[in-house]
Protein backbone atom coordinates (compact mmCIF):
# COMPACT_ATOMS: atom_id res chain seq x y z
CA MET A 1 -14.12 12.22 -0.87
CA ASN A 2 -17.06 10.76 -2.84
CA GLU A 3 -16.64 7.52 -4.84
CA ILE A 4 -17.51 8.94 -8.26
CA ARG A 5 -14.52 11.56 -8.18
CA THR A 6 -12.16 8.66 -6.55
CA ILE A 7 -12.36 6.86 -9.37
CA GLU A 8 -12.04 9.86 -11.83
CA MET A 9 -8.93 10.79 -10.41
CA MET A 10 -7.89 6.76 -10.45
CA GLU A 11 -8.51 6.91 -14.08
CA SER A 12 -6.32 9.97 -14.21
CA ILE A 13 -3.76 7.95 -13.12
CA LEU A 14 -3.90 5.12 -15.08
CA LYS A 15 -4.20 7.51 -18.17
CA GLU A 16 -1.12 9.43 -17.33
CA ILE A 17 1.12 6.17 -16.44
CA ASN A 18 0.05 4.48 -19.76
CA GLU A 19 1.92 7.79 -21.67
CA THR A 20 4.88 5.84 -20.37
CA GLY A 21 6.49 4.33 -23.21
CA GLY A 22 5.96 0.56 -24.01
CA ILE A 23 3.14 0.52 -21.29
CA GLU A 24 -0.48 -1.22 -23.22
CA ALA A 25 -2.53 -1.07 -20.64
CA SER A 26 -3.10 -0.42 -16.88
CA ALA A 27 -5.62 -1.07 -13.56
CA ILE A 28 -6.02 -0.67 -10.08
CA ALA A 29 -7.77 -3.33 -7.87
CA SER A 30 -8.45 -3.90 -4.55
CA ARG A 31 -5.98 -6.33 -2.81
CA ASP A 32 -8.50 -9.29 -3.03
CA GLY A 33 -8.55 -9.13 -6.63
CA LEU A 34 -11.27 -6.69 -7.48
CA LEU A 35 -11.23 -4.63 -10.22
CA ILE A 36 -11.32 -0.49 -9.07
CA CYS A 37 -10.41 0.78 -12.52
CA SER A 38 -8.83 0.10 -15.96
CA THR A 39 -7.49 1.26 -19.22
CA LEU A 40 -8.44 -2.30 -20.98
CA GLY A 41 -11.13 -1.59 -23.12
CA ASP A 42 -12.49 -5.54 -22.50
CA GLN A 43 -14.22 -5.00 -18.67
CA LYS A 44 -14.41 -9.19 -18.68
CA ARG A 45 -10.39 -9.22 -19.78
CA ALA A 46 -9.92 -6.28 -16.64
CA GLU A 47 -11.14 -8.17 -13.97
CA VAL A 48 -9.64 -11.56 -15.07
CA LEU A 49 -6.28 -9.93 -15.42
CA VAL A 50 -6.80 -8.39 -11.78
CA ALA A 51 -8.04 -11.52 -10.20
CA MET A 52 -5.04 -13.47 -11.63
CA SER A 53 -2.57 -10.76 -10.60
CA ALA A 54 -3.66 -10.36 -6.85
CA THR A 55 -3.59 -14.33 -6.95
CA MET A 56 0.01 -13.76 -8.15
CA ILE A 57 1.36 -11.28 -5.93
CA GLY A 58 -0.49 -13.13 -2.75
CA ALA A 59 1.76 -16.25 -4.00
CA ALA A 60 4.83 -13.96 -4.33
CA GLU A 61 4.63 -12.54 -1.57
CA THR A 62 4.30 -16.26 0.83
CA ALA A 63 6.97 -17.52 -1.33
CA ALA A 64 9.08 -14.46 -0.10
CA ILE A 65 8.14 -14.28 3.16
CA GLU A 66 8.67 -17.73 4.05
CA LEU A 67 12.45 -17.68 2.10
CA GLY A 68 13.04 -14.59 4.58
CA LYS A 69 13.29 -12.14 1.84
CA GLY A 70 10.20 -9.90 3.02
CA ILE A 71 7.22 -8.58 1.67
CA PRO A 72 8.35 -7.88 -2.38
CA GLU A 73 7.90 -4.70 -3.69
CA VAL A 74 6.89 -5.62 -7.07
CA THR A 75 6.50 -8.76 -8.95
CA ILE A 76 6.73 -8.89 -12.79
CA VAL A 77 6.01 -11.53 -14.98
CA GLU A 78 7.96 -11.99 -18.24
CA ALA A 79 6.64 -13.66 -21.57
CA LYS A 80 7.38 -13.91 -25.14
CA ASN A 81 4.82 -11.21 -25.66
CA GLY A 82 5.28 -8.43 -22.94
CA LYS A 83 5.62 -7.71 -19.10
CA ILE A 84 2.79 -8.03 -16.19
CA ILE A 85 4.06 -5.99 -13.48
CA VAL A 86 2.19 -5.72 -9.99
CA THR A 87 3.08 -3.39 -7.28
CA GLY A 88 1.21 -2.52 -4.18
CA ALA A 89 -0.64 0.89 -3.85
CA GLY A 90 -0.69 0.96 -0.16
CA PRO A 91 -2.39 -1.46 2.34
CA LYS A 92 -5.90 -1.41 0.21
CA ALA A 93 -5.05 -1.37 -3.66
CA LEU A 94 -2.58 -2.90 -6.13
CA LEU A 95 -1.52 -1.17 -9.36
CA LEU A 96 -0.99 -3.63 -12.68
CA VAL A 97 0.59 -2.77 -15.69
CA MET A 98 0.69 -4.50 -19.30
CA THR A 99 3.97 -3.85 -21.51
CA ARG A 100 5.29 -4.46 -24.57
CA PRO A 101 8.30 -7.07 -24.34
CA ASP A 102 10.82 -4.05 -25.57
CA ALA A 103 9.22 -1.69 -22.47
CA GLY A 104 12.39 0.15 -20.65
CA LEU A 105 11.52 -1.34 -17.32
CA GLY A 106 13.35 1.25 -15.14
CA LEU A 107 11.32 3.84 -16.63
CA VAL A 108 8.07 1.78 -16.00
CA LEU A 109 8.76 0.86 -12.41
CA ILE A 110 9.70 4.42 -11.93
CA GLN A 111 6.14 5.62 -13.01
CA MET A 112 4.60 2.77 -11.40
CA LYS A 113 6.03 4.02 -7.80
CA LYS A 114 4.58 7.31 -8.59
CA ALA A 115 1.43 6.21 -9.45
CA SER A 116 1.28 3.84 -6.49
CA GLU A 117 2.17 6.66 -3.91
CA LYS A 118 -0.80 8.37 -5.56
CA ILE A 119 -3.52 5.96 -5.30
CA GLN A 120 -2.67 4.98 -1.64
CA GLU A 121 -3.11 9.10 -1.08
CA ILE A 122 -6.15 8.68 -2.81
CA MET A 123 -7.58 5.47 -0.89
CA GLY A 124 -6.17 6.55 2.35
């Protein structure tokens, strides 16, 4: 599959997940924090989000493994103005979403799981 088609498919996944109530923006990144694609209008902000999220999930994985809990499936940062949720999308990618504070976490997590499975299929 060519790179342009791959990016188009991933952008389509992000558009679909953004239709979930409460999601403000989403992004796909490599596991080392490089932006693949995003629905954030500001490229620089998207690059910062994915880089920091990759660091955050790396720290969460290290802590969970060290404490004998295994590899975390989801990392959630909850703040006054919303949540940042990160999940793995296979061995090569991460899926990130930013939500409003009132977003229904259950539905968001279900949609993220579906999207991450699609991303994993695309990335192989």
